[in-house]
Amino acid sequence: MNKAELVAAVAEKTNFTKKDAEVAVNAFLTCVQDALVKGDDVRLIGFGTFETRNRKARQGRNPRKPDEVIKIAASKAPVFKAGKAFKDAVNK
């Protein structure tokens, strides 16, 4: 499912217009992104948790020149961890 299909599904389930559903989906995505940028987690009970994890700096190999060692900088990675109810629904 891509974003357009998600907007259409939200519009159908909520009886919103597609335009209103797109505004709602975009607002949700923006709120999640803003919270993660601030360093907060977004916990949706029964669905899951959006959080960031720190990745340490490390060394890697350049795929075009396998002999060349490159430094990969430390970074933050956004992560989604599914909740129990969500996992159970998917595994039925």
N, C-alpha and C. Protein backbone atom coordinates (compact mmCIF):
# COMPACT_ATOMS: atom_id res chain seq x y z
N MET A 1 0.85 -1.17 0.00
CA MET A 1 0.00 0.00 0.00
C MET A 1 0.89 1.23 0.00
N ASN A 2 0.66 2.11 -0.93
CA ASN A 2 1.42 3.36 -0.96
C ASN A 2 0.59 4.46 -0.30
N LYS A 3 1.12 5.67 -0.28
CA LYS A 3 0.46 6.76 0.42
C LYS A 3 -0.92 7.08 -0.18
N ALA A 4 -1.02 7.09 -1.49
CA ALA A 4 -2.30 7.39 -2.14
C ALA A 4 -3.35 6.33 -1.77
N GLU A 5 -2.95 5.08 -1.73
CA GLU A 5 -3.88 4.02 -1.35
C GLU A 5 -4.27 4.14 0.13
N LEU A 6 -3.32 4.54 0.97
CA LEU A 6 -3.62 4.76 2.38
C LEU A 6 -4.62 5.89 2.54
N VAL A 7 -4.42 6.98 1.84
CA VAL A 7 -5.35 8.11 1.89
C VAL A 7 -6.74 7.67 1.45
N ALA A 8 -6.83 6.89 0.40
CA ALA A 8 -8.12 6.40 -0.09
C ALA A 8 -8.79 5.49 0.95
N ALA A 9 -8.01 4.63 1.60
CA ALA A 9 -8.56 3.74 2.62
C ALA A 9 -9.05 4.52 3.83
N VAL A 10 -8.29 5.53 4.26
CA VAL A 10 -8.71 6.36 5.38
C VAL A 10 -9.99 7.12 5.02
N ALA A 11 -10.06 7.64 3.82
CA ALA A 11 -11.25 8.36 3.37
C ALA A 11 -12.48 7.44 3.39
N GLU A 12 -12.29 6.22 2.95
CA GLU A 12 -13.40 5.27 2.90
C GLU A 12 -13.88 4.89 4.31
N LYS A 13 -12.95 4.64 5.22
CA LYS A 13 -13.31 4.21 6.58
C LYS A 13 -13.89 5.33 7.42
N THR A 14 -13.50 6.57 7.15
CA THR A 14 -13.93 7.70 7.98
C THR A 14 -15.02 8.55 7.34
N ASN A 15 -15.36 8.26 6.09
CA ASN A 15 -16.30 9.08 5.32
C ASN A 15 -15.80 10.51 5.13
N PHE A 16 -14.47 10.70 5.19
CA PHE A 16 -13.86 11.98 4.85
C PHE A 16 -13.72 12.04 3.34
N THR A 17 -13.55 13.25 2.84
CA THR A 17 -13.16 13.36 1.44
C THR A 17 -11.70 12.93 1.34
N LYS A 18 -11.27 12.62 0.13
CA LYS A 18 -9.86 12.23 -0.03
C LYS A 18 -8.93 13.38 0.36
N LYS A 19 -9.36 14.59 0.12
CA LYS A 19 -8.56 15.76 0.46
C LYS A 19 -8.40 15.87 1.98
N ASP A 20 -9.51 15.68 2.72
CA ASP A 20 -9.46 15.73 4.18
C ASP A 20 -8.64 14.56 4.75
N ALA A 21 -8.79 13.40 4.15
CA ALA A 21 -8.03 12.23 4.60
C ALA A 21 -6.54 12.45 4.37
N GLU A 22 -6.18 13.07 3.25
CA GLU A 22 -4.77 13.36 2.98
C GLU A 22 -4.20 14.33 4.00
N VAL A 23 -5.00 15.33 4.38
CA VAL A 23 -4.57 16.27 5.41
C VAL A 23 -4.33 15.53 6.73
N ALA A 24 -5.23 14.62 7.08
CA ALA A 24 -5.09 13.86 8.32
C ALA A 24 -3.86 12.96 8.30
N VAL A 25 -3.64 12.26 7.20
CA VAL A 25 -2.47 11.38 7.08
C VAL A 25 -1.19 12.20 7.14
N ASN A 26 -1.14 13.29 6.42
CA ASN A 26 0.04 14.15 6.44
C ASN A 26 0.30 14.73 7.83
N ALA A 27 -0.77 15.10 8.54
CA ALA A 27 -0.62 15.64 9.89
C ALA A 27 -0.05 14.57 10.83
N PHE A 28 -0.53 13.35 10.71
CA PHE A 28 -0.02 12.25 11.53
C PHE A 28 1.46 12.03 11.26
N LEU A 29 1.83 11.95 10.00
CA LEU A 29 3.23 11.70 9.65
C LEU A 29 4.13 12.84 10.13
N THR A 30 3.66 14.06 10.01
CA THR A 30 4.43 15.22 10.46
C THR A 30 4.60 15.20 11.98
N CYS A 31 3.55 14.86 12.69
CA CYS A 31 3.62 14.80 14.16
C CYS A 31 4.61 13.73 14.62
N VAL A 32 4.58 12.57 13.98
CA VAL A 32 5.52 11.50 14.33
C VAL A 32 6.95 11.95 14.04
N GLN A 33 7.17 12.53 12.89
CA GLN A 33 8.50 12.99 12.52
C GLN A 33 9.00 14.07 13.48
N ASP A 34 8.15 15.03 13.81
CA ASP A 34 8.55 16.10 14.72
C ASP A 34 8.91 15.56 16.10
N ALA A 35 8.15 14.59 16.58
CA ALA A 35 8.44 14.00 17.89
C ALA A 35 9.78 13.28 17.88
N LEU A 36 10.06 12.53 16.82
CA LEU A 36 11.33 11.80 16.73
C LEU A 36 12.51 12.76 16.60
N VAL A 37 12.33 13.86 15.89
CA VAL A 37 13.39 14.85 15.75
C VAL A 37 13.72 15.44 17.12
N LYS A 38 12.69 15.66 17.95
CA LYS A 38 12.91 16.20 19.30
C LYS A 38 13.50 15.18 20.26
N GLY A 39 13.52 13.90 19.85
CA GLY A 39 14.06 12.85 20.71
C GLY A 39 13.00 12.12 21.51
N ASP A 40 11.71 12.42 21.25
CA ASP A 40 10.61 11.75 21.94
C ASP A 40 10.22 10.47 21.21
N ASP A 41 9.57 9.57 21.94
CA ASP A 41 8.98 8.37 21.34
C ASP A 41 7.50 8.63 21.10
N VAL A 42 6.93 7.93 20.14
CA VAL A 42 5.49 7.99 19.91
C VAL A 42 4.96 6.59 20.18
N ARG A 43 4.19 6.45 21.27
CA ARG A 43 3.67 5.15 21.69
C ARG A 43 2.17 5.10 21.43
N LEU A 44 1.76 4.17 20.59
CA LEU A 44 0.35 3.96 20.29
C LEU A 44 -0.02 2.58 20.84
N ILE A 45 -0.68 2.56 21.99
CA ILE A 45 -0.99 1.32 22.68
C ILE A 45 -1.77 0.39 21.74
N GLY A 46 -1.31 -0.84 21.64
CA GLY A 46 -1.95 -1.83 20.79
C GLY A 46 -1.46 -1.81 19.35
N PHE A 47 -0.77 -0.75 18.97
CA PHE A 47 -0.26 -0.66 17.60
C PHE A 47 1.25 -0.78 17.57
N GLY A 48 1.94 0.11 18.29
CA GLY A 48 3.40 0.03 18.30
C GLY A 48 4.04 1.33 18.75
N THR A 49 5.35 1.36 18.65
CA THR A 49 6.13 2.50 19.10
C THR A 49 7.09 2.95 18.01
N PHE A 50 7.08 4.24 17.75
CA PHE A 50 8.07 4.87 16.88
C PHE A 50 9.14 5.46 17.79
N GLU A 51 10.40 5.15 17.54
CA GLU A 51 11.48 5.67 18.37
C GLU A 51 12.74 5.82 17.54
N THR A 52 13.75 6.46 18.12
CA THR A 52 15.03 6.57 17.44
C THR A 52 16.05 5.75 18.22
N ARG A 53 17.00 5.21 17.49
CA ARG A 53 18.10 4.47 18.10
C ARG A 53 19.40 5.06 17.58
N ASN A 54 20.37 5.13 18.47
CA ASN A 54 21.68 5.66 18.09
C ASN A 54 22.52 4.56 17.46
N ARG A 55 23.14 4.87 16.35
CA ARG A 55 24.08 3.95 15.70
C ARG A 55 25.48 4.48 15.95
N LYS A 56 26.37 3.62 16.38
CA LYS A 56 27.74 4.02 16.64
C LYS A 56 28.49 4.21 15.32
N ALA A 57 29.55 5.01 15.39
CA ALA A 57 30.43 5.16 14.23
C ALA A 57 31.14 3.81 14.02
N ARG A 58 31.39 3.51 12.77
CA ARG A 58 32.04 2.22 12.47
C ARG A 58 32.79 2.32 11.16
N GLN A 59 33.54 1.28 10.87
CA GLN A 59 34.26 1.22 9.60
C GLN A 59 33.50 0.30 8.65
N GLY A 60 33.58 0.63 7.38
CA GLY A 60 32.94 -0.19 6.36
C GLY A 60 33.83 -0.30 5.15
N ARG A 61 33.34 -0.96 4.13
CA ARG A 61 34.09 -1.13 2.88
C ARG A 61 33.36 -0.42 1.76
N ASN A 62 34.14 0.19 0.88
CA ASN A 62 33.58 0.80 -0.31
C ASN A 62 33.25 -0.32 -1.29
N PRO A 63 31.98 -0.50 -1.67
CA PRO A 63 31.63 -1.60 -2.57
C PRO A 63 32.29 -1.51 -3.95
N ARG A 64 32.61 -0.29 -4.39
CA ARG A 64 33.26 -0.15 -5.70
C ARG A 64 34.75 -0.45 -5.63
N LYS A 65 35.33 -0.23 -4.45
CA LYS A 65 36.75 -0.52 -4.23
C LYS A 65 36.86 -1.30 -2.92
N PRO A 66 36.68 -2.63 -2.96
CA PRO A 66 36.63 -3.44 -1.74
C PRO A 66 37.85 -3.31 -0.83
N ASP A 67 38.98 -2.90 -1.35
CA ASP A 67 40.18 -2.76 -0.52
C ASP A 67 40.14 -1.46 0.31
N GLU A 68 39.28 -0.53 -0.08
CA GLU A 68 39.23 0.77 0.58
C GLU A 68 38.33 0.71 1.82
N VAL A 69 38.89 1.08 2.98
CA VAL A 69 38.13 1.15 4.22
C VAL A 69 37.62 2.57 4.38
N ILE A 70 36.32 2.70 4.67
CA ILE A 70 35.74 4.02 4.86
C ILE A 70 35.19 4.14 6.28
N LYS A 71 35.09 5.37 6.76
CA LYS A 71 34.51 5.62 8.08
C LYS A 71 33.04 5.98 7.90
N ILE A 72 32.20 5.30 8.66
CA ILE A 72 30.77 5.58 8.64
C ILE A 72 30.46 6.33 9.94
N ALA A 73 29.93 7.52 9.82
CA ALA A 73 29.68 8.37 10.98
C ALA A 73 28.54 7.83 11.85
N ALA A 74 28.55 8.21 13.12
CA ALA A 74 27.46 7.87 14.02
C ALA A 74 26.19 8.57 13.53
N SER A 75 25.05 7.96 13.77
CA SER A 75 23.79 8.55 13.32
C SER A 75 22.64 8.06 14.18
N LYS A 76 21.50 8.67 14.00
CA LYS A 76 20.26 8.23 14.64
C LYS A 76 19.40 7.58 13.57
N ALA A 77 18.75 6.47 13.92
CA ALA A 77 17.90 5.77 12.97
C ALA A 77 16.48 5.68 13.53
N PRO A 78 15.47 6.09 12.74
CA PRO A 78 14.09 5.91 13.20
C PRO A 78 13.72 4.43 13.13
N VAL A 79 13.00 3.96 14.15
CA VAL A 79 12.65 2.55 14.25
C VAL A 79 11.18 2.43 14.65
N PHE A 80 10.49 1.44 14.09
CA PHE A 80 9.13 1.12 14.51
C PHE A 80 9.14 -0.25 15.14
N LYS A 81 8.60 -0.34 16.35
CA LYS A 81 8.50 -1.62 17.05
C LYS A 81 7.02 -1.94 17.21
N ALA A 82 6.56 -3.00 16.58
CA ALA A 82 5.14 -3.36 16.60
C ALA A 82 4.71 -3.80 17.99
N GLY A 83 3.48 -3.42 18.38
CA GLY A 83 2.90 -3.82 19.65
C GLY A 83 2.32 -5.22 19.57
N LYS A 84 2.01 -5.79 20.73
CA LYS A 84 1.52 -7.17 20.80
C LYS A 84 0.21 -7.35 20.03
N ALA A 85 -0.75 -6.44 20.21
CA ALA A 85 -2.05 -6.59 19.53
C ALA A 85 -1.87 -6.52 18.01
N PHE A 86 -0.97 -5.65 17.55
CA PHE A 86 -0.70 -5.53 16.12
C PHE A 86 -0.07 -6.81 15.59
N LYS A 87 0.90 -7.34 16.30
CA LYS A 87 1.55 -8.60 15.89
C LYS A 87 0.54 -9.73 15.84
N ASP A 88 -0.32 -9.80 16.87
CA ASP A 88 -1.34 -10.86 16.91
C ASP A 88 -2.30 -10.76 15.74
N ALA A 89 -2.70 -9.54 15.38
CA ALA A 89 -3.63 -9.33 14.26
C ALA A 89 -3.00 -9.77 12.95
N VAL A 90 -1.72 -9.47 12.78
CA VAL A 90 -1.02 -9.83 11.53
C VAL A 90 -0.84 -11.34 11.44
N ASN A 91 -0.62 -12.00 12.58
CA ASN A 91 -0.33 -13.43 12.58
C ASN A 91 -1.55 -14.33 12.65
N LYS A 92 -2.77 -13.77 12.58
CA LYS A 92 -3.97 -14.61 12.59
C LYS A 92 -4.15 -15.33 11.31
